[in-house]
Amino acid sequence: MNLQTFSDKKVVVMGLGLHGGGRSLAQWLFSQGAEVIVTDLKNRAELEISIFALDAWCRSWRLAHPDRGVTSIQYHLGGHREVDFESADLVLQNPGVPSESPYLACARSRGIPIENEATLFFRLTTGVPKIAVTGTRGKSTVVMLLGRIFSAGNMRVRTAGVATEKGVTAFFDIIDTVRSGDTTPIPAILELSSWHCELFTCPDLAAQTVVITNITPDHLNRYPDIDHYGAAKEQLVASQNEGAVLVVNADNDLTRAIGNRYQSCREVFWFSASQSVKRGAWVECRDGEDCIVVSDSKGTPHEICAVSHLALSGRHNLENCLAAAAAATAGGVLPEPMRAALTSGAGVPGRQELIASFGGREWINDTTSTTPVALAAAVNTFAKGTGPNLILIAGGADKRLEYDDIAKPVCRSVRAVIALAGTATPKLVNAIMNGGFSGPIRYANTMDDAVRLAWQESANGDRIVLSPGCASFGQFVHEFDRGRAFCTAVSALRDRVGA
């Protein structure tokens, strides 16, 4: 199929989802004259939010284009139909759909092309400069920071792929903007998951710059092991052209190995919070204070700012700032815009976000913490003083991850644990108990119960942190639904206690 024209082509969007990517993709394809079939394992009630938005958009679009032949999007929900995949011209695979799906196998056996929203976006925007950001943690924050840095340098860019509680700015929300521009295409800064990266298998999908923040265990319910998970991320690098820019974390074993493998055929920029690097960004003590320093392709160092002046706190956010600084340096951004962007502005909602302060307690929403590494980062970031001062709300659905490494920070800084119901919760609780945790562990079936119990266990000066360390499916629609439930419960508690 010629992917430059979709008029009268039958396109199957496999997986509508709830974050907005599937909806945006279906809208754009429909606007191009395609016959769009949306199919999903979820039923109409489960997808009500996405379907309502998509149907409303279609009605508006048809009113503005009464002469167009295609009149509606078809929905085949509550399961997939093999006939849709046998007769399609193109299949669009949602990131949540596993590659081994028998319906995708059906399409492959008939030579029907399979893309996802990222690969299709790349194929349709070959003349658009792209910075592609992937990794286990920090993707969204790095994309946000890069958007701020380039904007501070008076460079027009668009960002996409970052999921928030308000939805996602999807790839196909920005495609027409970046392809048009005033005189030249507008650069795109994009967040890509490992599932997006799986289909990056040829140079036609080359990003000018790839940033890999880190690779730690995640999604092991989908991948056999961390090596296969890391290999999916590396597909993004393998698809680049020789001499393209690669930005990698020198402090992470797997990303450092990727950087070394491509050292001879990519322009590698490193970032590190623990050692200086020849080209990229690192932390260096200057006049008794830790500072972020960058070095360009010529090896010229430039001090950006003191670490203490960064707007985002925590070791993980220091790494995110270094990643953004290294990528911006590779893109030719001067130190002044970097300094302005890194020392001002809030973080991404739902990521270590202070949502309330009352009764002598602070309430932190870190709902996007879906791995043990993220949970440990939150505990380390919000611990204060010498004794335990955190009430941790954690637990949820299992992704075949191990929790032994959270025991030490939890035992050091957490006074009580509120355990949310979920298949991973017993593993999480056993890990901290085996590590020596002796504080109270209370169990909650709902977020309202969790917030109530956290209040009971807390005292003046405590921080109450929702950092689940687990997936959200089962009890919540997605992690942002979990975060909304937390914010709502905290607000209701505030009203009850009169704070």
Protein backbone atom coordinates (compact mmCIF):
# COMPACT_ATOMS: atom_id res chain seq x y z
CA MET A 1 0.00 0.00 0.00
CA ASN A 2 1.15 3.53 -0.77
CA LEU A 3 1.29 5.10 2.68
CA GLN A 4 1.06 8.60 1.25
CA THR A 5 -2.63 8.22 0.36
CA PHE A 6 -5.42 6.66 2.40
CA SER A 7 -8.46 7.56 0.32
CA ASP A 8 -10.86 4.59 0.07
CA LYS A 9 -8.39 2.30 1.86
CA LYS A 10 -9.61 -0.04 4.58
CA VAL A 11 -7.55 0.64 7.71
CA VAL A 12 -7.96 -1.37 10.92
CA VAL A 13 -7.02 0.48 14.12
CA MET A 14 -6.33 -2.36 16.52
CA GLY A 15 -6.76 -1.00 20.03
CA LEU A 16 -8.52 2.30 20.68
CA GLY A 17 -7.22 2.73 24.19
CA LEU A 18 -8.02 5.43 26.73
CA HIS A 19 -5.06 7.84 26.55
CA GLY A 20 -5.97 9.36 23.17
CA GLY A 21 -3.41 7.89 20.76
CA GLY A 22 -5.86 5.49 19.09
CA ARG A 23 -8.54 8.15 18.93
CA SER A 24 -6.22 10.72 17.31
CA LEU A 25 -4.98 8.15 14.80
CA ALA A 26 -8.53 7.11 13.83
CA GLN A 27 -9.55 10.76 13.44
CA TRP A 28 -6.65 11.59 11.15
CA LEU A 29 -7.12 8.51 8.97
CA PHE A 30 -10.85 9.24 8.68
CA SER A 31 -10.05 12.83 7.63
CA GLN A 32 -7.83 11.42 4.86
CA GLY A 33 -10.73 9.45 3.39
CA ALA A 34 -9.90 6.03 4.81
CA GLU A 35 -12.52 3.47 5.73
CA VAL A 36 -11.63 3.15 9.42
CA ILE A 37 -12.50 0.13 11.53
CA VAL A 38 -11.72 0.43 15.24
CA THR A 39 -11.46 -2.91 17.01
CA ASP A 40 -10.68 -3.50 20.69
CA LEU A 41 -10.93 -6.28 23.27
CA LYS A 42 -12.65 -3.81 25.61
CA ASN A 43 -16.36 -3.27 25.16
CA ARG A 44 -18.17 -0.02 24.44
CA ALA A 45 -18.82 0.73 28.10
CA GLU A 46 -15.12 0.35 28.98
CA LEU A 47 -14.13 2.65 26.10
CA GLU A 48 -16.94 5.13 26.63
CA ILE A 49 -14.67 8.17 27.12
CA SER A 50 -12.68 7.55 23.93
CA ILE A 51 -15.72 6.64 21.82
CA PHE A 52 -17.66 9.70 22.98
CA ALA A 53 -14.76 12.00 21.99
CA LEU A 54 -14.25 10.22 18.66
CA ASP A 55 -17.95 10.28 17.73
CA ALA A 56 -18.26 13.96 18.64
CA TRP A 57 -15.26 14.78 16.46
CA CYS A 58 -16.70 12.77 13.53
CA ARG A 59 -20.02 14.59 13.71
CA SER A 60 -18.26 17.95 13.65
CA TRP A 61 -15.98 16.89 10.80
CA ARG A 62 -18.87 15.63 8.66
CA LEU A 63 -20.71 18.93 9.08
CA ALA A 64 -17.62 20.77 7.83
CA HIS A 65 -17.08 18.32 4.91
CA PRO A 66 -20.56 17.30 3.65
CA ASP A 67 -19.28 16.15 0.26
CA ARG A 68 -16.81 13.53 1.53
CA GLY A 69 -17.83 9.94 0.85
CA VAL A 70 -16.89 8.25 4.14
CA THR A 71 -19.63 8.94 6.67
CA SER A 72 -18.65 7.13 9.87
CA ILE A 73 -16.10 5.05 11.72
CA GLN A 74 -17.01 1.42 12.31
CA TYR A 75 -16.56 -0.14 15.77
CA HIS A 76 -16.00 -3.84 16.36
CA LEU A 77 -15.62 -4.05 20.15
CA GLY A 78 -15.46 -6.68 22.85
CA GLY A 79 -13.11 -8.78 20.70
CA HIS A 80 -11.42 -8.86 17.31
CA ARG A 81 -12.75 -10.40 14.08
CA GLU A 82 -10.41 -12.30 11.81
CA VAL A 83 -12.26 -11.08 8.72
CA ASP A 84 -11.20 -7.50 9.45
CA PHE A 85 -7.54 -8.49 9.33
CA GLU A 86 -7.94 -10.65 6.21
CA SER A 87 -9.34 -7.83 4.11
CA ALA A 88 -7.52 -4.73 5.43
CA ASP A 89 -5.17 -2.58 3.37
CA LEU A 90 -3.31 -1.54 6.53
CA VAL A 91 -3.35 -2.54 10.21
CA LEU A 92 -2.42 -0.06 12.94
CA GLN A 93 -1.22 -1.84 16.08
CA ASN A 94 -1.88 -0.03 19.35
CA PRO A 95 1.14 -0.14 21.73
CA GLY A 96 -0.89 -2.31 24.12
CA VAL A 97 -1.35 -5.08 21.54
CA PRO A 98 1.32 -7.82 21.76
CA SER A 99 3.22 -8.57 18.56
CA GLU A 100 2.38 -12.28 18.85
CA SER A 101 -1.37 -11.60 18.50
CA PRO A 102 -2.92 -14.21 16.17
CA TYR A 103 -4.82 -11.43 14.39
CA LEU A 104 -1.55 -9.68 13.52
CA ALA A 105 -0.22 -13.06 12.36
CA CYS A 106 -3.28 -13.33 10.13
CA ALA A 107 -2.47 -9.94 8.55
CA ARG A 108 1.21 -10.85 8.11
CA SER A 109 0.32 -14.12 6.37
CA ARG A 110 -1.54 -12.10 3.75
CA GLY A 111 1.20 -9.54 3.28
CA ILE A 112 -0.86 -6.74 4.85
CA PRO A 113 1.41 -4.00 6.25
CA ILE A 114 1.37 -3.47 10.02
CA GLU A 115 2.37 -0.15 11.55
CA ASN A 116 1.91 1.56 14.89
CA GLU A 117 1.19 5.24 15.45
CA ALA A 118 4.89 6.05 15.82
CA THR A 119 6.17 4.19 12.75
CA LEU A 120 3.37 5.58 10.58
CA PHE A 121 4.12 9.08 11.85
CA PHE A 122 7.80 8.63 10.99
CA ARG A 123 7.03 7.33 7.49
CA LEU A 124 4.76 10.30 6.79
CA THR A 125 7.19 12.91 8.14
CA THR A 126 10.50 11.97 6.52
CA GLY A 127 11.47 15.63 6.10
CA VAL A 128 10.71 16.56 9.71
CA PRO A 129 13.64 16.63 12.19
CA LYS A 130 12.87 14.37 15.14
CA ILE A 131 14.22 13.80 18.62
CA ALA A 132 12.93 10.41 19.83
CA VAL A 133 13.07 9.82 23.59
CA THR A 134 12.72 6.35 25.10
CA GLY A 135 13.76 4.57 28.30
CA THR A 136 12.14 3.01 31.35
CA ARG A 137 11.80 6.14 33.45
CA GLY A 138 12.04 9.84 32.71
CA LYS A 139 10.81 9.85 29.10
CA SER A 140 7.97 12.29 29.69
CA THR A 141 10.05 14.63 31.81
CA VAL A 142 12.88 14.72 29.27
CA VAL A 143 10.44 15.46 26.42
CA MET A 144 8.89 18.25 28.51
CA LEU A 145 12.31 19.70 29.38
CA LEU A 146 13.50 19.59 25.77
CA GLY A 147 10.34 21.38 24.66
CA ARG A 148 11.04 24.10 27.23
CA ILE A 149 14.71 24.36 26.30
CA PHE A 150 14.11 24.75 22.57
CA SER A 151 11.29 27.21 23.20
CA ALA A 152 13.53 29.24 25.50
CA GLY A 153 16.02 29.35 22.62
CA ASN A 154 13.30 30.75 20.33
CA MET A 155 13.15 27.50 18.37
CA ARG A 156 9.70 26.38 17.31
CA VAL A 157 9.13 22.71 18.18
CA ARG A 158 6.20 20.41 18.94
CA THR A 159 6.14 17.63 21.52
CA ALA A 160 4.01 14.48 21.46
CA GLY A 161 3.54 11.12 23.12
CA VAL A 162 3.51 12.33 26.73
CA ALA A 163 0.54 10.87 28.63
CA THR A 164 -1.01 12.96 31.40
CA GLU A 165 -4.24 12.89 33.38
CA LYS A 166 -5.75 15.17 30.71
CA GLY A 167 -4.88 12.70 27.95
CA VAL A 168 -1.99 12.58 25.55
CA THR A 169 -0.79 14.95 22.87
CA ALA A 170 -0.69 12.19 20.29
CA PHE A 171 1.56 11.87 17.26
CA PHE A 172 -1.35 12.50 14.92
CA ASP A 173 -2.46 15.56 16.86
CA ILE A 174 0.68 17.33 15.60
CA ILE A 175 1.36 15.69 12.23
CA ASP A 176 -0.24 18.36 10.05
CA THR A 177 1.50 21.14 12.00
CA VAL A 178 5.01 19.71 11.79
CA ARG A 179 4.65 18.78 8.12
CA SER A 180 3.54 22.25 7.09
CA GLY A 181 5.54 24.82 9.04
CA ASP A 182 5.84 28.36 7.70
CA THR A 183 8.82 27.76 5.43
CA THR A 184 10.41 24.58 6.79
CA PRO A 185 9.11 21.57 8.75
CA ILE A 186 8.80 22.04 12.51
CA PRO A 187 10.99 19.69 14.60
CA ALA A 188 9.13 17.09 16.68
CA ILE A 189 10.20 15.85 20.12
CA LEU A 190 8.55 12.48 20.73
CA GLU A 191 8.16 10.03 23.60
CA LEU A 192 8.30 6.39 22.47
CA SER A 193 7.56 3.28 24.51
CA SER A 194 9.32 -0.03 24.00
CA TRP A 195 6.17 -1.18 22.20
CA HIS A 196 6.50 1.65 19.71
CA CYS A 197 10.17 0.81 19.19
CA GLU A 198 9.53 -2.84 18.32
CA LEU A 199 8.47 -1.95 14.77
CA PHE A 200 11.40 0.36 14.00
CA THR A 201 13.10 -2.06 11.64
CA CYS A 202 14.40 -0.01 8.70
CA PRO A 203 16.25 3.25 7.89
CA ASP A 204 13.00 4.79 6.60
CA LEU A 205 12.15 5.27 10.29
CA ALA A 206 15.30 7.15 11.25
CA ALA A 207 15.27 9.76 14.00
CA GLN A 208 17.97 12.40 13.77
CA THR A 209 18.47 12.12 17.54
CA VAL A 210 17.62 9.24 19.87
CA VAL A 211 17.71 9.69 23.66
CA ILE A 212 17.66 6.65 25.96
CA THR A 213 17.17 7.76 29.56
CA ASN A 214 17.79 4.39 31.27
CA ILE A 215 16.79 0.74 31.03
CA THR A 216 15.65 -1.05 34.19
CA PRO A 217 13.28 -4.02 34.62
CA ASP A 218 9.75 -3.27 33.41
CA HIS A 219 6.95 -4.87 31.39
CA LEU A 220 8.24 -8.36 32.12
CA ASN A 221 4.65 -9.54 31.74
CA ARG A 222 5.18 -8.78 28.04
CA TYR A 223 8.90 -9.50 27.50
CA PRO A 224 10.67 -12.74 28.51
CA ASP A 225 13.44 -10.85 30.30
CA ILE A 226 15.16 -7.47 30.55
CA ASP A 227 17.44 -8.27 27.60
CA HIS A 228 14.47 -8.62 25.26
CA TYR A 229 12.95 -5.47 26.74
CA GLY A 230 16.22 -3.58 26.19
CA ALA A 231 16.50 -4.95 22.66
CA ALA A 232 13.10 -3.46 21.83
CA LYS A 233 14.38 -0.02 22.92
CA GLU A 234 17.56 -0.51 20.89
CA GLN A 235 15.54 -0.99 17.70
CA LEU A 236 15.12 2.78 17.69
CA VAL A 237 18.91 3.20 17.52
CA ALA A 238 19.39 0.45 14.94
CA SER A 239 17.00 2.24 12.58
CA GLN A 240 19.06 5.45 12.62
CA ASN A 241 21.32 6.46 9.75
CA GLU A 242 25.07 6.35 10.21
CA GLY A 243 26.34 9.52 11.88
CA ALA A 244 23.01 10.31 13.61
CA VAL A 245 23.03 11.49 17.21
CA LEU A 246 22.61 9.06 20.11
CA VAL A 247 22.26 10.34 23.69
CA VAL A 248 22.69 7.70 26.41
CA ASN A 249 23.07 7.38 30.17
CA ALA A 250 26.65 6.51 31.11
CA ASP A 251 25.52 5.47 34.61
CA ASN A 252 23.18 2.70 33.46
CA ASP A 253 24.72 -0.62 32.44
CA LEU A 254 22.39 -1.40 29.54
CA THR A 255 22.37 2.07 28.01
CA ARG A 256 26.15 2.35 28.40
CA ALA A 257 26.50 -0.93 26.48
CA ILE A 258 24.27 0.43 23.69
CA GLY A 259 26.36 3.60 23.49
CA ASN A 260 29.56 1.59 23.25
CA ARG A 261 28.13 -0.64 20.52
CA TYR A 262 27.29 2.36 18.34
CA GLN A 263 30.29 4.51 19.24
CA SER A 264 31.88 4.05 15.82
CA CYS A 265 28.82 4.79 13.70
CA ARG A 266 26.80 7.33 15.71
CA GLU A 267 27.65 10.71 17.18
CA VAL A 268 27.29 9.61 20.80
CA PHE A 269 26.60 12.15 23.53
CA TRP A 270 26.73 10.86 27.10
CA PHE A 271 25.19 12.11 30.32
CA SER A 272 26.22 11.18 33.84
CA ALA A 273 25.55 12.26 37.41
CA SER A 274 28.69 10.52 38.68
CA GLN A 275 31.51 11.06 36.17
CA SER A 276 32.69 13.54 33.59
CA VAL A 277 32.18 12.68 29.92
CA LYS A 278 34.01 13.80 26.80
CA ARG A 279 30.86 14.97 25.01
CA GLY A 280 27.44 15.54 26.61
CA ALA A 281 26.42 16.59 30.13
CA TRP A 282 27.66 15.75 33.61
CA VAL A 283 27.91 16.98 37.21
CA GLU A 284 31.09 18.70 38.30
CA CYS A 285 32.02 20.39 41.57
CA ARG A 286 32.89 24.03 40.94
CA ASP A 287 33.69 26.45 43.76
CA GLY A 288 32.37 23.94 46.26
CA GLU A 289 29.02 23.42 44.56
CA ASP A 290 27.80 20.68 42.23
CA CYS A 291 27.00 22.11 38.80
CA ILE A 292 25.68 20.81 35.49
CA VAL A 293 28.32 21.15 32.79
CA VAL A 294 27.89 20.40 29.08
CA SER A 295 30.42 19.80 26.33
CA ASP A 296 29.67 20.18 22.62
CA SER A 297 31.05 18.26 19.63
CA LYS A 298 34.28 20.30 19.80
CA GLY A 299 34.80 19.36 23.45
CA THR A 300 34.23 22.89 24.74
CA PRO A 301 32.77 22.85 28.30
CA HIS A 302 30.01 25.25 29.41
CA GLU A 303 28.61 25.54 32.92
CA ILE A 304 24.81 25.57 32.91
CA CYS A 305 23.68 25.94 36.52
CA ALA A 306 24.12 24.67 40.06
CA VAL A 307 22.28 21.42 40.78
CA SER A 308 20.63 23.16 43.74
CA HIS A 309 19.02 25.63 41.32
CA LEU A 310 17.19 22.97 39.28
CA ALA A 311 13.42 23.31 39.37
CA LEU A 312 12.96 19.52 39.68
CA SER A 313 14.30 17.69 42.72
CA GLY A 314 15.65 14.18 43.23
CA ARG A 315 18.50 12.16 41.78
CA HIS A 316 16.27 10.78 39.01
CA ASN A 317 15.29 14.29 37.94
CA LEU A 318 18.94 15.32 37.96
CA GLU A 319 19.51 12.54 35.41
CA ASN A 320 16.51 13.75 33.41
CA CYS A 321 17.93 17.29 33.35
CA LEU A 322 21.32 15.94 32.26
CA ALA A 323 19.69 13.92 29.46
CA ALA A 324 17.83 16.99 28.22
CA ALA A 325 20.96 19.14 28.46
CA ALA A 326 23.02 16.60 26.48
CA ALA A 327 20.37 16.31 23.75
CA ALA A 328 19.98 20.09 23.57
CA THR A 329 23.74 20.52 23.32
CA ALA A 330 23.79 18.01 20.46
CA GLY A 331 21.07 20.11 18.83
CA GLY A 332 23.15 23.27 19.02
CA VAL A 333 21.22 25.02 21.82
CA LEU A 334 23.23 27.65 23.71
CA PRO A 335 23.74 27.50 27.51
CA GLU A 336 21.42 30.43 28.32
CA PRO A 337 18.14 28.79 27.15
CA MET A 338 19.14 25.56 28.91
CA ARG A 339 19.74 27.44 32.14
CA ALA A 340 16.41 29.26 31.88
CA ALA A 341 14.43 26.07 31.17
CA LEU A 342 16.10 23.84 33.75
CA THR A 343 15.76 26.30 36.63
CA SER A 344 12.07 27.14 36.18
CA GLY A 345 8.73 25.41 35.69
CA ALA A 346 6.90 22.48 37.25
CA GLY A 347 7.21 18.80 36.46
CA VAL A 348 4.83 16.51 34.60
CA PRO A 349 1.48 16.00 36.42
CA GLY A 350 1.22 12.70 38.26
CA ARG A 351 4.99 12.39 38.61
CA GLN A 352 6.05 13.22 42.18
CA GLU A 353 3.51 16.05 42.22
CA LEU A 354 2.70 17.91 45.45
CA ILE A 355 -1.11 18.11 45.37
CA ALA A 356 -2.03 19.31 48.87
CA SER A 357 -0.65 20.46 52.19
CA PHE A 358 -2.86 20.51 55.26
CA GLY A 359 -2.88 19.33 58.83
CA GLY A 360 0.90 19.51 58.88
CA ARG A 361 1.11 16.85 56.15
CA GLU A 362 2.13 17.03 52.49
CA TRP A 363 0.39 14.80 49.94
CA ILE A 364 2.37 13.61 46.90
CA ASN A 365 0.83 12.11 43.75
CA ASP A 366 3.34 9.81 42.04
CA THR A 367 0.77 7.62 40.31
CA THR A 368 3.02 7.07 37.26
CA SER A 369 5.35 5.06 39.50
CA THR A 370 4.70 1.61 38.02
CA THR A 371 8.04 -0.07 38.81
CA PRO A 372 10.10 -0.77 41.94
CA VAL A 373 12.80 1.59 40.66
CA ALA A 374 10.28 4.43 40.47
CA LEU A 375 8.97 3.66 43.96
CA ALA A 376 12.50 3.72 45.41
CA ALA A 377 13.18 7.02 43.62
CA ALA A 378 10.09 8.60 45.20
CA VAL A 379 11.01 7.40 48.68
CA ASN A 380 14.56 8.71 48.32
CA THR A 381 13.34 12.05 46.95
CA PHE A 382 10.79 12.81 49.67
CA ALA A 383 12.58 11.43 52.73
CA LYS A 384 13.68 14.22 55.06
CA GLY A 385 15.53 14.37 58.35
CA THR A 386 17.07 11.39 60.07
CA GLY A 387 14.04 9.26 60.92
CA PRO A 388 11.14 7.73 58.98
CA ASN A 389 8.72 10.47 57.96
CA LEU A 390 6.87 8.98 55.00
CA ILE A 391 3.55 7.20 54.77
CA LEU A 392 3.73 5.14 51.58
CA ILE A 393 0.67 4.10 49.59
CA ALA A 394 1.81 1.31 47.26
CA GLY A 395 0.72 -1.86 45.51
CA GLY A 396 -1.26 -2.89 42.46
CA ALA A 397 -1.12 -5.21 39.48
CA ASP A 398 1.80 -7.51 38.72
CA LYS A 399 4.19 -7.07 35.76
CA ARG A 400 6.51 -9.93 36.86
CA LEU A 401 8.89 -7.51 38.55
CA GLU A 402 10.94 -8.14 41.70
CA TYR A 403 10.74 -5.83 44.74
CA ASP A 404 13.78 -6.74 46.84
CA ASP A 405 15.56 -3.47 46.06
CA ILE A 406 12.83 -1.31 47.60
CA ALA A 407 13.34 -2.79 51.09
CA LYS A 408 16.33 -0.65 52.06
CA PRO A 409 14.88 2.78 51.21
CA VAL A 410 11.48 1.82 52.64
CA CYS A 411 12.98 0.59 55.91
CA ARG A 412 15.08 3.74 56.18
CA SER A 413 12.45 6.37 55.43
CA VAL A 414 8.90 4.96 55.63
CA ARG A 415 6.97 4.86 58.90
CA ALA A 416 3.86 3.08 57.65
CA VAL A 417 2.77 1.36 54.44
CA ILE A 418 -0.76 1.42 53.08
CA ALA A 419 -1.01 -1.54 50.70
CA LEU A 420 -3.45 -1.20 47.80
CA ALA A 421 -5.14 -4.40 46.68
CA GLY A 422 -3.53 -6.05 43.65
CA THR A 423 -1.73 -9.13 42.36
CA ALA A 424 1.73 -7.62 42.94
CA THR A 425 0.99 -6.38 46.46
CA PRO A 426 1.92 -9.61 48.30
CA LYS A 427 5.35 -9.60 46.60
CA LEU A 428 5.88 -5.95 47.51
CA VAL A 429 4.85 -6.48 51.14
CA ASN A 430 6.95 -9.65 51.50
CA ALA A 431 9.99 -7.83 50.11
CA ILE A 432 9.87 -5.02 52.65
CA MET A 433 9.07 -7.37 55.55
CA ASN A 434 11.95 -9.67 54.60
CA GLY A 435 14.13 -6.55 54.47
CA GLY A 436 13.35 -5.77 58.10
CA PHE A 437 10.45 -3.32 57.93
CA SER A 438 8.76 -3.25 61.34
CA GLY A 439 6.25 -0.44 60.90
CA PRO A 440 2.51 -0.90 60.47
CA ILE A 441 1.18 -2.26 57.18
CA ARG A 442 -2.47 -1.50 56.57
CA TYR A 443 -4.47 -2.93 53.68
CA ALA A 444 -6.92 -0.93 51.54
CA ASN A 445 -9.39 -2.14 48.92
CA THR A 446 -10.18 1.35 47.64
CA MET A 447 -8.31 4.63 47.28
CA ASP A 448 -10.70 6.26 49.76
CA ASP A 449 -9.72 3.62 52.32
CA ALA A 450 -6.03 4.11 51.52
CA VAL A 451 -6.18 7.88 52.07
CA ARG A 452 -8.19 7.47 55.29
CA LEU A 453 -5.69 4.94 56.67
CA ALA A 454 -2.74 7.11 55.62
CA TRP A 455 -4.21 10.03 57.58
CA GLN A 456 -4.69 7.80 60.65
CA GLU A 457 -1.08 6.57 60.52
CA SER A 458 0.44 9.99 59.84
CA ALA A 459 1.56 12.77 62.15
CA ASN A 460 2.44 16.42 61.89
CA GLY A 461 5.44 16.84 59.57
CA ASP A 462 4.86 13.64 57.59
CA ARG A 463 4.66 13.30 53.82
CA ILE A 464 2.06 10.92 52.43
CA VAL A 465 3.23 9.56 49.08
CA LEU A 466 1.20 7.61 46.53
CA SER A 467 3.96 5.77 44.68
CA PRO A 468 2.47 2.36 43.82
CA GLY A 469 5.48 0.72 42.16
CA CYS A 470 2.96 -1.44 40.29
CA ALA A 471 0.61 -1.28 37.32
CA SER A 472 -2.92 0.05 37.77
CA PHE A 473 -5.03 -2.35 35.72
CA GLY A 474 -7.77 -4.24 37.53
CA GLN A 475 -8.73 -1.62 40.09
CA PHE A 476 -8.35 1.47 37.89
CA VAL A 477 -8.80 2.34 34.21
CA HIS A 478 -5.14 3.41 33.99
CA GLU A 479 -2.50 5.08 36.17
CA PHE A 480 -4.00 8.54 35.70
CA ASP A 481 -7.39 7.27 36.83
CA ARG A 482 -5.56 6.02 39.93
CA GLY A 483 -4.02 9.46 40.40
CA ARG A 484 -7.38 11.18 39.99
CA ALA A 485 -8.89 8.85 42.60
CA PHE A 486 -6.07 9.79 44.98
CA CYS A 487 -6.53 13.53 44.41
CA THR A 488 -10.31 13.23 44.87
CA ALA A 489 -9.93 11.23 48.08
CA VAL A 490 -7.38 13.70 49.49
CA SER A 491 -9.68 16.62 48.66
CA ALA A 492 -12.62 14.89 50.35
CA LEU A 493 -10.49 14.15 53.43
CA ARG A 494 -9.44 17.80 53.61
CA ASP A 495 -13.09 18.83 53.66
CA ARG A 496 -13.90 16.29 56.38
CA VAL A 497 -11.09 17.29 58.72
CA GLY A 498 -11.72 20.98 58.12
CA ALA A 499 -8.12 21.76 57.19
